[in-house]
């Protein structure tokens, strides 16, 4: 139910989404929230003028009410929120009239709408006696898009980049089977399937990429995942920057790639474009720390200005970068003297 764009594009899925449609900036890329005119079979006039979030919620209600509590079920629910175009309902906009930046104000109002929708979905499961035996995942596919109201401060980068501001996303689990608490392990979208299968004692007979993390979540055991390959894109080669720190690796460091291994994160090539259109954070760093408990307060308190400033200062004109994310979540210190980590990570990329 909702926005359909799952994983890498394939020719067999051209009726749903293609790069050509999106890159040509037609209605397929950033569909209007109320017009509903982009359709292979023509406009859906019956829904014109209705907010997409309300339409998707209505469909979710129909599906949830039809579920037999004694049988297994799966629902993929993907509202458009908070994707471009920035279109919010007035009842949510009035809550954020104090935000001066128009994009940021609309973005905040759309987040409020999303919050309301998610709450309504949880209520649906509860009222239909489904929540007790449900495992739900709330996930985002990327960091905030700073050109459209997103703000990843104090992290570097934005959507489209391999920096933390682009790949670190909000997520949580909910449902009657999910314990209260915080999980500090690395978790990738490919881990959702094996984690759910482990929770319901269903063996997976084929080898898959993901890690089952249910036991670790329940019992706080050692974290199963120690690394994440954020991306490798051989079509994106940085031919401008010059960097000699390759240590005779077989990996072409001009290729755009990023690998997280334990606390370390290696980036090669161009980490992706970023924009200077970052809304200023509404409070100064010391005040911000009072609102969010971070273990890295001492480091983050030194940050001022826009997150995009750090991108241009620290990431441009390099082919290889290495960061220790647990100590440097803002990716502001490229560690140049850890030769062994560099070498091992580069070898991992070339496998």
C-alpha atoms as a PDB file:
ATOM      1  CA  UNK A   1       0.000   0.000   0.000  1.00  0.00           C
ATOM      2  CA  UNK A   2       1.440   3.394  -0.959  1.00  0.00           C
ATOM      3  CA  UNK A   3       4.536   4.498  -2.810  1.00  0.00           C
ATOM      4  CA  UNK A   4       6.141   1.753  -4.865  1.00  0.00           C
ATOM      5  CA  UNK A   5       9.917   1.982  -5.214  1.00  0.00           C
ATOM      6  CA  UNK A   6      11.690  -0.974  -3.685  1.00  0.00           C
ATOM      7  CA  UNK A   7      15.353  -1.690  -4.342  1.00  0.00           C
ATOM      8  CA  UNK A   8      17.319  -1.274  -7.566  1.00  0.00           C
ATOM      9  CA  UNK A   9      15.377  -0.735 -10.776  1.00  0.00           C
ATOM     10  CA  UNK A  10      14.778  -3.624 -13.186  1.00  0.00           C
ATOM     11  CA  UNK A  11      13.484  -3.627 -16.759  1.00  0.00           C
ATOM     12  CA  UNK A  12      10.705  -6.019 -15.762  1.00  0.00           C
ATOM     13  CA  UNK A  13       9.329  -3.389 -13.372  1.00  0.00           C
ATOM     14  CA  UNK A  14       9.022  -0.499 -15.831  1.00  0.00           C
ATOM     15  CA  UNK A  15       5.289  -0.284 -15.293  1.00  0.00           C
ATOM     16  CA  UNK A  16       6.030   0.829 -11.734  1.00  0.00           C
ATOM     17  CA  UNK A  17       9.207   2.902 -11.805  1.00  0.00           C
ATOM     18  CA  UNK A  18      12.116   3.652 -14.124  1.00  0.00           C
ATOM     19  CA  UNK A  19      15.071   5.950 -13.907  1.00  0.00           C
ATOM     20  CA  UNK A  20      14.098   7.426 -17.281  1.00  0.00           C
ATOM     21  CA  UNK A  21      10.724   8.596 -16.018  1.00  0.00           C
ATOM     22  CA  UNK A  22      12.232  10.053 -12.867  1.00  0.00           C
ATOM     23  CA  UNK A  23      15.206  11.768 -14.464  1.00  0.00           C
ATOM     24  CA  UNK A  24      13.005  13.409 -17.100  1.00  0.00           C
ATOM     25  CA  UNK A  25      11.160  15.137 -14.238  1.00  0.00           C
ATOM     26  CA  UNK A  26       7.714  13.963 -15.301  1.00  0.00           C
ATOM     27  CA  UNK A  27       4.893  13.313 -12.862  1.00  0.00           C
ATOM     28  CA  UNK A  28       6.475  10.006 -11.946  1.00  0.00           C
ATOM     29  CA  UNK A  29       9.223  11.665  -9.916  1.00  0.00           C
ATOM     30  CA  UNK A  30       7.652  13.375  -6.915  1.00  0.00           C
ATOM     31  CA  UNK A  31       3.969  12.573  -7.409  1.00  0.00           C
ATOM     32  CA  UNK A  32       1.463  15.187  -6.239  1.00  0.00           C
ATOM     33  CA  UNK A  33      -0.184  14.391  -2.900  1.00  0.00           C
ATOM     34  CA  UNK A  34      -3.706  15.338  -4.003  1.00  0.00           C
ATOM     35  CA  UNK A  35      -3.856  15.439  -7.811  1.00  0.00           C
ATOM     36  CA  UNK A  36      -3.299  11.699  -8.543  1.00  0.00           C
ATOM     37  CA  UNK A  37      -2.957  12.299 -12.296  1.00  0.00           C
ATOM     38  CA  UNK A  38       0.122  10.141 -12.961  1.00  0.00           C
ATOM     39  CA  UNK A  39      -1.187   6.743 -14.012  1.00  0.00           C
ATOM     40  CA  UNK A  40      -0.602   4.382 -16.916  1.00  0.00           C
ATOM     41  CA  UNK A  41      -4.370   4.113 -17.356  1.00  0.00           C
ATOM     42  CA  UNK A  42      -5.125   7.819 -16.919  1.00  0.00           C
ATOM     43  CA  UNK A  43      -6.067   9.996 -13.918  1.00  0.00           C
ATOM     44  CA  UNK A  44      -7.936   8.405 -11.041  1.00  0.00           C
ATOM     45  CA  UNK A  45     -10.651  11.051 -10.811  1.00  0.00           C
ATOM     46  CA  UNK A  46     -12.435   9.386  -7.909  1.00  0.00           C
ATOM     47  CA  UNK A  47      -9.556  10.253  -5.571  1.00  0.00           C
ATOM     48  CA  UNK A  48      -8.676  13.694  -6.945  1.00  0.00           C
ATOM     49  CA  UNK A  49      -8.293  16.307  -4.206  1.00  0.00           C
ATOM     50  CA  UNK A  50      -7.946  13.756  -1.409  1.00  0.00           C
ATOM     51  CA  UNK A  51      -4.671  13.757   0.512  1.00  0.00           C
ATOM     52  CA  UNK A  52      -2.667  10.648  -0.348  1.00  0.00           C
ATOM     53  CA  UNK A  53      -1.962   9.870   3.297  1.00  0.00           C
ATOM     54  CA  UNK A  54      -5.699   9.676   3.968  1.00  0.00           C
ATOM     55  CA  UNK A  55      -6.250   7.468   0.906  1.00  0.00           C
ATOM     56  CA  UNK A  56      -3.499   5.055   1.895  1.00  0.00           C
ATOM     57  CA  UNK A  57      -4.774   4.929   5.468  1.00  0.00           C
ATOM     58  CA  UNK A  58      -8.271   4.156   4.185  1.00  0.00           C
ATOM     59  CA  UNK A  59      -6.897   1.231   2.164  1.00  0.00           C
ATOM     60  CA  UNK A  60      -4.869   0.029   5.145  1.00  0.00           C
ATOM     61  CA  UNK A  61      -8.025   0.067   7.249  1.00  0.00           C
ATOM     62  CA  UNK A  62      -9.821  -2.132   4.719  1.00  0.00           C
ATOM     63  CA  UNK A  63      -6.955  -4.634   4.628  1.00  0.00           C
ATOM     64  CA  UNK A  64      -6.353  -4.809   8.381  1.00  0.00           C
ATOM     65  CA  UNK A  65     -10.050  -5.328   9.114  1.00  0.00           C
ATOM     66  CA  UNK A  66     -10.090  -8.268   6.701  1.00  0.00           C
ATOM     67  CA  UNK A  67      -7.155 -10.072   8.348  1.00  0.00           C
ATOM     68  CA  UNK A  68      -7.908 -13.325  10.160  1.00  0.00           C
ATOM     69  CA  UNK A  69      -6.089 -13.119  13.547  1.00  0.00           C
ATOM     70  CA  UNK A  70      -5.460 -16.886  13.436  1.00  0.00           C
ATOM     71  CA  UNK A  71      -3.519 -16.697  10.152  1.00  0.00           C
ATOM     72  CA  UNK A  72      -0.182 -15.191   9.164  1.00  0.00           C
ATOM     73  CA  UNK A  73      -0.177 -11.905   7.273  1.00  0.00           C
ATOM     74  CA  UNK A  74       2.276  -9.377   5.865  1.00  0.00           C
ATOM     75  CA  UNK A  75       1.697  -5.757   4.857  1.00  0.00           C
ATOM     76  CA  UNK A  76       4.144  -3.344   3.240  1.00  0.00           C
ATOM     77  CA  UNK A  77       2.928   0.201   3.906  1.00  0.00           C
ATOM     78  CA  UNK A  78       4.806   3.112   2.302  1.00  0.00           C
ATOM     79  CA  UNK A  79       3.215   6.576   2.548  1.00  0.00           C
ATOM     80  CA  UNK A  80       4.644   9.299   0.301  1.00  0.00           C
ATOM     81  CA  UNK A  81       5.587  11.320   3.388  1.00  0.00           C
ATOM     82  CA  UNK A  82       7.979  13.049   3.510  1.00  0.00           C
ATOM     83  CA  UNK A  83       9.014  12.900  -0.120  1.00  0.00           C
ATOM     84  CA  UNK A  84       8.985  15.895  -2.469  1.00  0.00           C
ATOM     85  CA  UNK A  85       6.711  17.732  -3.323  1.00  0.00           C
ATOM     86  CA  UNK A  86       6.311  19.422   0.064  1.00  0.00           C
ATOM     87  CA  UNK A  87       2.534  19.507   0.466  1.00  0.00           C
ATOM     88  CA  UNK A  88       1.109  19.622   3.977  1.00  0.00           C
ATOM     89  CA  UNK A  89      -2.393  19.914   5.383  1.00  0.00           C
ATOM     90  CA  UNK A  90      -3.327  23.255   6.937  1.00  0.00           C
ATOM     91  CA  UNK A  91      -4.192  21.667  10.287  1.00  0.00           C
ATOM     92  CA  UNK A  92      -0.591  20.533  10.569  1.00  0.00           C
ATOM     93  CA  UNK A  93       0.982  23.679   9.117  1.00  0.00           C
ATOM     94  CA  UNK A  94      -0.500  25.911  11.830  1.00  0.00           C
ATOM     95  CA  UNK A  95       1.454  23.966  14.442  1.00  0.00           C
ATOM     96  CA  UNK A  96       4.731  25.101  12.891  1.00  0.00           C
ATOM     97  CA  UNK A  97       4.016  28.707  11.947  1.00  0.00           C
ATOM     98  CA  UNK A  98       7.062  29.715  14.018  1.00  0.00           C
ATOM     99  CA  UNK A  99       9.450  28.059  11.528  1.00  0.00           C
ATOM    100  CA  UNK A 100      10.666  30.766   9.125  1.00  0.00           C
ATOM    101  CA  UNK A 101      12.022  28.530   6.367  1.00  0.00           C
ATOM    102  CA  UNK A 102       9.069  27.595   4.112  1.00  0.00           C
ATOM    103  CA  UNK A 103      10.449  24.213   3.081  1.00  0.00           C
ATOM    104  CA  UNK A 104      11.314  23.320   6.645  1.00  0.00           C
ATOM    105  CA  UNK A 105       7.866  24.381   7.868  1.00  0.00           C
ATOM    106  CA  UNK A 106       6.125  22.223   5.268  1.00  0.00           C
ATOM    107  CA  UNK A 107       8.480  19.352   5.997  1.00  0.00           C
ATOM    108  CA  UNK A 108       7.738  19.500   9.728  1.00  0.00           C
ATOM    109  CA  UNK A 109       3.999  19.547   9.043  1.00  0.00           C
ATOM    110  CA  UNK A 110       4.323  16.508   6.787  1.00  0.00           C
ATOM    111  CA  UNK A 111       6.252  14.661   9.493  1.00  0.00           C
ATOM    112  CA  UNK A 112       3.395  15.458  11.887  1.00  0.00           C
ATOM    113  CA  UNK A 113       0.979  13.974   9.355  1.00  0.00           C
ATOM    114  CA  UNK A 114       3.142  10.867   9.019  1.00  0.00           C
ATOM    115  CA  UNK A 115       3.252  10.529  12.799  1.00  0.00           C
ATOM    116  CA  UNK A 116      -0.543  10.676  12.881  1.00  0.00           C
ATOM    117  CA  UNK A 117      -0.861   8.049  10.136  1.00  0.00           C
ATOM    118  CA  UNK A 118       1.541   5.644  11.855  1.00  0.00           C
ATOM    119  CA  UNK A 119      -0.387   6.058  15.098  1.00  0.00           C
ATOM    120  CA  UNK A 120      -3.651   5.307  13.295  1.00  0.00           C
ATOM    121  CA  UNK A 121      -2.181   2.142  11.776  1.00  0.00           C
ATOM    122  CA  UNK A 122      -1.038   0.926  15.196  1.00  0.00           C
ATOM    123  CA  UNK A 123      -4.527   1.668  16.549  1.00  0.00           C
ATOM    124  CA  UNK A 124      -6.025  -0.394  13.714  1.00  0.00           C
ATOM    125  CA  UNK A 125      -3.912  -3.378  14.682  1.00  0.00           C
ATOM    126  CA  UNK A 126      -4.814  -2.938  18.329  1.00  0.00           C
ATOM    127  CA  UNK A 127      -8.578  -2.633  17.735  1.00  0.00           C
ATOM    128  CA  UNK A 128      -8.569  -5.701  15.496  1.00  0.00           C
ATOM    129  CA  UNK A 129      -6.709  -7.815  18.082  1.00  0.00           C
ATOM    130  CA  UNK A 130      -3.621  -8.144  15.892  1.00  0.00           C
ATOM    131  CA  UNK A 131      -1.026  -6.039  17.685  1.00  0.00           C
ATOM    132  CA  UNK A 132      -0.219  -8.589  20.402  1.00  0.00           C
ATOM    133  CA  UNK A 133       1.305 -11.026  17.896  1.00  0.00           C
ATOM    134  CA  UNK A 134       2.721  -8.444  15.496  1.00  0.00           C
ATOM    135  CA  UNK A 135       6.285  -7.337  14.764  1.00  0.00           C
ATOM    136  CA  UNK A 136       6.367  -3.994  12.988  1.00  0.00           C
ATOM    137  CA  UNK A 137       9.284  -2.063  11.499  1.00  0.00           C
ATOM    138  CA  UNK A 138       9.313   1.677  10.879  1.00  0.00           C
ATOM    139  CA  UNK A 139      12.201   2.464   8.528  1.00  0.00           C
ATOM    140  CA  UNK A 140      13.448   5.182   6.178  1.00  0.00           C
ATOM    141  CA  UNK A 141      15.435   4.505   3.023  1.00  0.00           C
ATOM    142  CA  UNK A 142      17.837   7.439   3.350  1.00  0.00           C
ATOM    143  CA  UNK A 143      18.737  10.529   5.332  1.00  0.00           C
ATOM    144  CA  UNK A 144      17.076  13.896   4.901  1.00  0.00           C
ATOM    145  CA  UNK A 145      17.026  15.719   1.561  1.00  0.00           C
ATOM    146  CA  UNK A 146      18.366  19.146   2.546  1.00  0.00           C
ATOM    147  CA  UNK A 147      17.048  20.806  -0.629  1.00  0.00           C
ATOM    148  CA  UNK A 148      13.514  19.900   0.420  1.00  0.00           C
ATOM    149  CA  UNK A 149      13.384  20.751   4.114  1.00  0.00           C
ATOM    150  CA  UNK A 150      15.441  17.885   5.514  1.00  0.00           C
ATOM    151  CA  UNK A 151      18.117  18.568   8.121  1.00  0.00           C
ATOM    152  CA  UNK A 152      20.710  15.979   9.151  1.00  0.00           C
ATOM    153  CA  UNK A 153      22.650  18.290  11.460  1.00  0.00           C
ATOM    154  CA  UNK A 154      25.200  17.625  12.869  1.00  0.00           C
ATOM    155  CA  UNK A 155      25.889  14.822  10.393  1.00  0.00           C
ATOM    156  CA  UNK A 156      27.627  15.494   7.084  1.00  0.00           C
ATOM    157  CA  UNK A 157      25.846  14.980   3.799  1.00  0.00           C
ATOM    158  CA  UNK A 158      22.276  14.415   2.683  1.00  0.00           C
ATOM    159  CA  UNK A 159      20.177  12.022   0.618  1.00  0.00           C
ATOM    160  CA  UNK A 160      22.163  10.842  -2.445  1.00  0.00           C
ATOM    161  CA  UNK A 161      25.436  10.752  -0.469  1.00  0.00           C
ATOM    162  CA  UNK A 162      27.320   7.947   1.261  1.00  0.00           C
ATOM    163  CA  UNK A 163      28.049  10.178   4.243  1.00  0.00           C
ATOM    164  CA  UNK A 164      26.234   9.511   7.526  1.00  0.00           C
ATOM    165  CA  UNK A 165      23.657  12.192   6.761  1.00  0.00           C
ATOM    166  CA  UNK A 166      22.691  10.184   3.694  1.00  0.00           C
ATOM    167  CA  UNK A 167      22.784   6.592   4.975  1.00  0.00           C
ATOM    168  CA  UNK A 168      21.901   6.888   8.663  1.00  0.00           C
ATOM    169  CA  UNK A 169      18.121   6.697   8.948  1.00  0.00           C
ATOM    170  CA  UNK A 170      15.438   6.754  11.609  1.00  0.00           C
ATOM    171  CA  UNK A 171      14.040   3.367  12.579  1.00  0.00           C
ATOM    172  CA  UNK A 172      12.238   1.512  15.323  1.00  0.00           C
ATOM    173  CA  UNK A 173      10.329  -1.698  15.971  1.00  0.00           C
ATOM    174  CA  UNK A 174       6.886  -1.984  17.526  1.00  0.00           C
ATOM    175  CA  UNK A 175       4.243  -4.561  18.374  1.00  0.00           C
ATOM    176  CA  UNK A 176       3.280  -6.833  21.220  1.00  0.00           C
ATOM    177  CA  UNK A 177       6.272  -9.118  20.692  1.00  0.00           C
ATOM    178  CA  UNK A 178       8.843  -6.318  20.724  1.00  0.00           C
ATOM    179  CA  UNK A 179      10.507  -5.514  24.076  1.00  0.00           C
ATOM    180  CA  UNK A 180      11.045  -1.972  25.294  1.00  0.00           C
ATOM    181  CA  UNK A 181      14.574  -0.674  24.988  1.00  0.00           C
ATOM    182  CA  UNK A 182      17.276   0.572  22.654  1.00  0.00           C
ATOM    183  CA  UNK A 183      19.297  -1.522  20.235  1.00  0.00           C
ATOM    184  CA  UNK A 184      22.834  -0.381  19.455  1.00  0.00           C
ATOM    185  CA  UNK A 185      23.786  -2.978  16.857  1.00  0.00           C
ATOM    186  CA  UNK A 186      24.219  -2.318  13.146  1.00  0.00           C
ATOM    187  CA  UNK A 187      20.995  -3.150  11.304  1.00  0.00           C
ATOM    188  CA  UNK A 188      20.467  -3.290   7.543  1.00  0.00           C
ATOM    189  CA  UNK A 189      17.188  -3.563   5.628  1.00  0.00           C
ATOM    190  CA  UNK A 190      18.222  -7.053   4.498  1.00  0.00           C
ATOM    191  CA  UNK A 191      18.106  -8.127   8.160  1.00  0.00           C
ATOM    192  CA  UNK A 192      14.341  -7.621   8.468  1.00  0.00           C
ATOM    193  CA  UNK A 193      13.359 -10.914   6.806  1.00  0.00           C
ATOM    194  CA  UNK A 194      15.720 -13.229   8.756  1.00  0.00           C
ATOM    195  CA  UNK A 195      14.976 -11.360  12.001  1.00  0.00           C
ATOM    196  CA  UNK A 196      11.222 -11.903  11.613  1.00  0.00           C
ATOM    197  CA  UNK A 197      11.752 -15.526  10.582  1.00  0.00           C
ATOM    198  CA  UNK A 198      13.892 -16.119  13.671  1.00  0.00           C
ATOM    199  CA  UNK A 199      11.258 -14.510  15.906  1.00  0.00           C
ATOM    200  CA  UNK A 200       8.630 -16.969  14.663  1.00  0.00           C
ATOM    201  CA  UNK A 201      10.987 -19.979  14.656  1.00  0.00           C
ATOM    202  CA  UNK A 202      10.862 -20.368  10.881  1.00  0.00           C
ATOM    203  CA  UNK A 203      14.131 -21.741   9.444  1.00  0.00           C
ATOM    204  CA  UNK A 204      15.510 -20.222   6.241  1.00  0.00           C
ATOM    205  CA  UNK A 205      16.759 -23.002   3.980  1.00  0.00           C
ATOM    206  CA  UNK A 206      18.608 -20.835   1.469  1.00  0.00           C
ATOM    207  CA  UNK A 207      21.641 -18.630   2.078  1.00  0.00           C
ATOM    208  CA  UNK A 208      20.658 -14.958   2.119  1.00  0.00           C
ATOM    209  CA  UNK A 209      22.519 -11.699   2.726  1.00  0.00           C
ATOM    210  CA  UNK A 210      20.742 -10.591   5.895  1.00  0.00           C
ATOM    211  CA  UNK A 211      21.435 -11.472   9.525  1.00  0.00           C
ATOM    212  CA  UNK A 212      18.861 -12.765  12.004  1.00  0.00           C
ATOM    213  CA  UNK A 213      18.979 -10.325  14.932  1.00  0.00           C
ATOM    214  CA  UNK A 214      15.907 -11.266  16.981  1.00  0.00           C
ATOM    215  CA  UNK A 215      17.867 -13.172  19.642  1.00  0.00           C
ATOM    216  CA  UNK A 216      20.259 -10.238  20.001  1.00  0.00           C
ATOM    217  CA  UNK A 217      17.356  -7.789  20.308  1.00  0.00           C
ATOM    218  CA  UNK A 218      15.569  -9.880  22.945  1.00  0.00           C
ATOM    219  CA  UNK A 219      18.524 -10.957  25.036  1.00  0.00           C
ATOM    220  CA  UNK A 220      21.050  -8.184  24.277  1.00  0.00           C
ATOM    221  CA  UNK A 221      23.515 -10.758  22.981  1.00  0.00           C
ATOM    222  CA  UNK A 222      26.527  -9.969  20.836  1.00  0.00           C
ATOM    223  CA  UNK A 223      25.448  -8.114  17.711  1.00  0.00           C
ATOM    224  CA  UNK A 224      25.375 -10.458  14.660  1.00  0.00           C
ATOM    225  CA  UNK A 225      26.221  -7.767  12.101  1.00  0.00           C
ATOM    226  CA  UNK A 226      29.691  -6.217  12.119  1.00  0.00           C
ATOM    227  CA  UNK A 227      29.722  -4.601   8.691  1.00  0.00           C
ATOM    228  CA  UNK A 228      27.509  -2.954   6.075  1.00  0.00           C
ATOM    229  CA  UNK A 229      28.310  -2.400   2.428  1.00  0.00           C
ATOM    230  CA  UNK A 230      26.511   0.898   1.900  1.00  0.00           C
ATOM    231  CA  UNK A 231      27.005   0.886  -1.862  1.00  0.00           C
ATOM    232  CA  UNK A 232      29.266   0.200  -4.830  1.00  0.00           C
ATOM    233  CA  UNK A 233      28.481   2.083  -8.028  1.00  0.00           C
ATOM    234  CA  UNK A 234      30.968   1.300 -10.834  1.00  0.00           C
ATOM    235  CA  UNK A 235      29.229   3.840 -13.096  1.00  0.00           C
ATOM    236  CA  UNK A 236      30.344   6.719 -10.866  1.00  0.00           C
ATOM    237  CA  UNK A 237      34.078   7.329 -11.162  1.00  0.00           C
ATOM    238  CA  UNK A 238      35.841  10.378  -9.730  1.00  0.00           C
ATOM    239  CA  UNK A 239      38.289  11.509 -12.417  1.00  0.00           C
ATOM    240  CA  UNK A 240      39.104  14.859 -10.823  1.00  0.00           C
ATOM    241  CA  UNK A 241      40.457  14.241  -7.325  1.00  0.00           C
ATOM    242  CA  UNK A 242      43.908  12.800  -6.746  1.00  0.00           C
ATOM    243  CA  UNK A 243      44.797  10.594  -3.784  1.00  0.00           C
ATOM    244  CA  UNK A 244      47.808   8.291  -3.484  1.00  0.00           C
ATOM    245  CA  UNK A 245      46.680   6.361  -0.376  1.00  0.00           C
ATOM    246  CA  UNK A 246      45.827   3.057  -2.093  1.00  0.00           C
ATOM    247  CA  UNK A 247      48.469   0.746  -0.557  1.00  0.00           C
ATOM    248  CA  UNK A 248      48.686  -1.338  -3.729  1.00  0.00           C
ATOM    249  CA  UNK A 249      45.044  -2.354  -3.469  1.00  0.00           C
ATOM    250  CA  UNK A 250      43.284  -4.088  -6.361  1.00  0.00           C
ATOM    251  CA  UNK A 251      40.306  -1.829  -5.730  1.00  0.00           C
ATOM    252  CA  UNK A 252      39.972   1.238  -7.980  1.00  0.00           C
ATOM    253  CA  UNK A 253      39.617   4.001  -5.381  1.00  0.00           C
ATOM    254  CA  UNK A 254      38.060   6.306  -7.985  1.00  0.00           C
ATOM    255  CA  UNK A 255      34.866   4.195  -7.870  1.00  0.00           C
ATOM    256  CA  UNK A 256      32.105   5.421  -5.565  1.00  0.00           C
ATOM    257  CA  UNK A 257      31.765   2.988  -2.649  1.00  0.00           C
ATOM    258  CA  UNK A 258      31.377   2.907   1.126  1.00  0.00           C
ATOM    259  CA  UNK A 259      31.979   0.101   3.611  1.00  0.00           C
ATOM    260  CA  UNK A 260      31.235   0.143   7.345  1.00  0.00           C
ATOM    261  CA  UNK A 261      33.200  -2.390   9.387  1.00  0.00           C
ATOM    262  CA  UNK A 262      32.790  -2.190  13.150  1.00  0.00           C
ATOM    263  CA  UNK A 263      33.479   1.404  14.200  1.00  0.00           C
ATOM    264  CA  UNK A 264      35.322   2.116  10.933  1.00  0.00           C
ATOM    265  CA  UNK A 265      33.862   3.528   7.735  1.00  0.00           C
ATOM    266  CA  UNK A 266      35.749   3.634   4.442  1.00  0.00           C
ATOM    267  CA  UNK A 267      34.592   5.779   1.504  1.00  0.00           C
ATOM    268  CA  UNK A 268      36.192   5.754  -1.950  1.00  0.00           C
ATOM    269  CA  UNK A 269      35.547   7.942  -4.976  1.00  0.00           C
ATOM    270  CA  UNK A 270      33.001  10.732  -4.785  1.00  0.00           C
ATOM    271  CA  UNK A 271      30.708  10.281  -1.748  1.00  0.00           C
ATOM    272  CA  UNK A 272      27.909  12.013  -3.668  1.00  0.00           C
ATOM    273  CA  UNK A 273      26.781  15.555  -4.232  1.00  0.00           C
ATOM    274  CA  UNK A 274      25.463  17.650  -1.427  1.00  0.00           C
ATOM    275  CA  UNK A 275      23.671  20.968  -1.228  1.00  0.00           C
ATOM    276  CA  UNK A 276      24.313  24.101   0.789  1.00  0.00           C
ATOM    277  CA  UNK A 277      20.573  24.524   1.271  1.00  0.00           C
ATOM    278  CA  UNK A 278      20.578  23.290   4.865  1.00  0.00           C
ATOM    279  CA  UNK A 279      18.072  25.005   7.181  1.00  0.00           C
ATOM    280  CA  UNK A 280      19.801  26.459  10.216  1.00  0.00           C
ATOM    281  CA  UNK A 281      19.285  24.409  13.369  1.00  0.00           C
ATOM    282  CA  UNK A 282      16.814  26.309  15.595  1.00  0.00           C
ATOM    283  CA  UNK A 283      19.002  26.208  18.716  1.00  0.00           C
ATOM    284  CA  UNK A 284      22.696  26.463  19.473  1.00  0.00           C
ATOM    285  CA  UNK A 285      24.698  23.269  20.138  1.00  0.00           C
ATOM    286  CA  UNK A 286      24.668  23.555  23.966  1.00  0.00           C
ATOM    287  CA  UNK A 287      20.872  23.905  23.999  1.00  0.00           C
ATOM    288  CA  UNK A 288      20.540  21.052  21.534  1.00  0.00           C
ATOM    289  CA  UNK A 289      22.459  18.736  23.835  1.00  0.00           C
ATOM    290  CA  UNK A 290      19.865  19.279  26.525  1.00  0.00           C
ATOM    291  CA  UNK A 291      17.228  17.946  24.127  1.00  0.00           C
ATOM    292  CA  UNK A 292      19.058  14.831  22.956  1.00  0.00           C
ATOM    293  CA  UNK A 293      21.336  12.501  24.972  1.00  0.00           C
ATOM    294  CA  UNK A 294      24.395  11.823  22.819  1.00  0.00           C
ATOM    295  CA  UNK A 295      27.522  10.073  24.018  1.00  0.00           C
ATOM    296  CA  UNK A 296      29.536  12.307  21.703  1.00  0.00           C
ATOM    297  CA  UNK A 297      28.421  15.594  23.233  1.00  0.00           C
ATOM    298  CA  UNK A 298      31.949  16.849  23.729  1.00  0.00           C
ATOM    299  CA  UNK A 299      32.711  16.461  20.035  1.00  0.00           C
ATOM    300  CA  UNK A 300      29.402  17.709  18.661  1.00  0.00           C
ATOM    301  CA  UNK A 301      29.445  20.781  20.905  1.00  0.00           C
ATOM    302  CA  UNK A 302      32.367  22.069  18.843  1.00  0.00           C
ATOM    303  CA  UNK A 303      30.248  22.180  15.684  1.00  0.00           C
ATOM    304  CA  UNK A 304      28.781  25.433  14.430  1.00  0.00           C
ATOM    305  CA  UNK A 305      27.246  26.479  11.134  1.00  0.00           C
ATOM    306  CA  UNK A 306      25.667  24.310   8.474  1.00  0.00           C
ATOM    307  CA  UNK A 307      26.353  20.621   7.998  1.00  0.00           C
ATOM    308  CA  UNK A 308      27.137  21.270   4.324  1.00  0.00           C
ATOM    309  CA  UNK A 309      30.167  23.339   5.368  1.00  0.00           C
ATOM    310  CA  UNK A 310      31.811  20.169   6.655  1.00  0.00           C
ATOM    311  CA  UNK A 311      31.175  18.352   3.409  1.00  0.00           C
ATOM    312  CA  UNK A 312      33.109  20.872   1.344  1.00  0.00           C
ATOM    313  CA  UNK A 313      35.882  21.198   3.934  1.00  0.00           C
ATOM    314  CA  UNK A 314      36.462  17.502   4.525  1.00  0.00           C
ATOM    315  CA  UNK A 315      35.189  15.434   1.619  1.00  0.00           C
ATOM    316  CA  UNK A 316      35.906  17.228  -1.635  1.00  0.00           C
ATOM    317  CA  UNK A 317      39.102  16.409  -3.579  1.00  0.00           C
ATOM    318  CA  UNK A 318      39.719  13.069  -1.864  1.00  0.00           C
ATOM    319  CA  UNK A 319      39.526   9.561  -3.267  1.00  0.00           C
ATOM    320  CA  UNK A 320      39.890   7.667  -0.006  1.00  0.00           C
ATOM    321  CA  UNK A 321      38.531   8.569   3.425  1.00  0.00           C
ATOM    322  CA  UNK A 322      38.498   6.662   6.704  1.00  0.00           C
ATOM    323  CA  UNK A 323      36.440   7.613   9.752  1.00  0.00           C
ATOM    324  CA  UNK A 324      35.898   6.091  13.172  1.00  0.00           C
ATOM    325  CA  UNK A 325      32.151   6.626  13.389  1.00  0.00           C
ATOM    326  CA  UNK A 326      31.619   5.877  17.082  1.00  0.00           C
ATOM    327  CA  UNK A 327      34.074   8.646  18.002  1.00  0.00           C
ATOM    328  CA  UNK A 328      33.512  10.881  14.967  1.00  0.00           C
ATOM    329  CA  UNK A 329      29.853  10.603  13.842  1.00  0.00           C
ATOM    330  CA  UNK A 330      30.139  13.873  11.895  1.00  0.00           C
ATOM    331  CA  UNK A 331      32.924  12.464   9.683  1.00  0.00           C
ATOM    332  CA  UNK A 332      35.030  15.542  10.281  1.00  0.00           C
ATOM    333  CA  UNK A 333      38.372  13.767  10.940  1.00  0.00           C
ATOM    334  CA  UNK A 334      39.867  11.680   8.146  1.00  0.00           C
ATOM    335  CA  UNK A 335      42.224   9.265   9.915  1.00  0.00           C
ATOM    336  CA  UNK A 336      45.367   9.075   7.819  1.00  0.00           C
ATOM    337  CA  UNK A 337      47.583   6.842   9.946  1.00  0.00           C
ATOM    338  CA  UNK A 338      45.610   3.587  10.267  1.00  0.00           C
ATOM    339  CA  UNK A 339      47.244   1.755   7.384  1.00  0.00           C
ATOM    340  CA  UNK A 340      46.093  -1.733   8.390  1.00  0.00           C
ATOM    341  CA  UNK A 341      42.415  -0.757   8.525  1.00  0.00           C
ATOM    342  CA  UNK A 342      42.702   0.977   5.146  1.00  0.00           C
ATOM    343  CA  UNK A 343      44.370  -2.021   3.550  1.00  0.00           C
ATOM    344  CA  UNK A 344      41.908  -4.597   4.915  1.00  0.00           C
ATOM    345  CA  UNK A 345      38.865  -2.517   3.972  1.00  0.00           C
ATOM    346  CA  UNK A 346      40.120  -1.887   0.437  1.00  0.00           C
ATOM    347  CA  UNK A 347      40.730  -5.618   0.003  1.00  0.00           C
ATOM    348  CA  UNK A 348      37.174  -6.268   1.193  1.00  0.00           C
ATOM    349  CA  UNK A 349      35.784  -3.974  -1.507  1.00  0.00           C
ATOM    350  CA  UNK A 350      37.784  -5.731  -4.231  1.00  0.00           C
ATOM    351  CA  UNK A 351      36.450  -9.211  -3.367  1.00  0.00           C
END
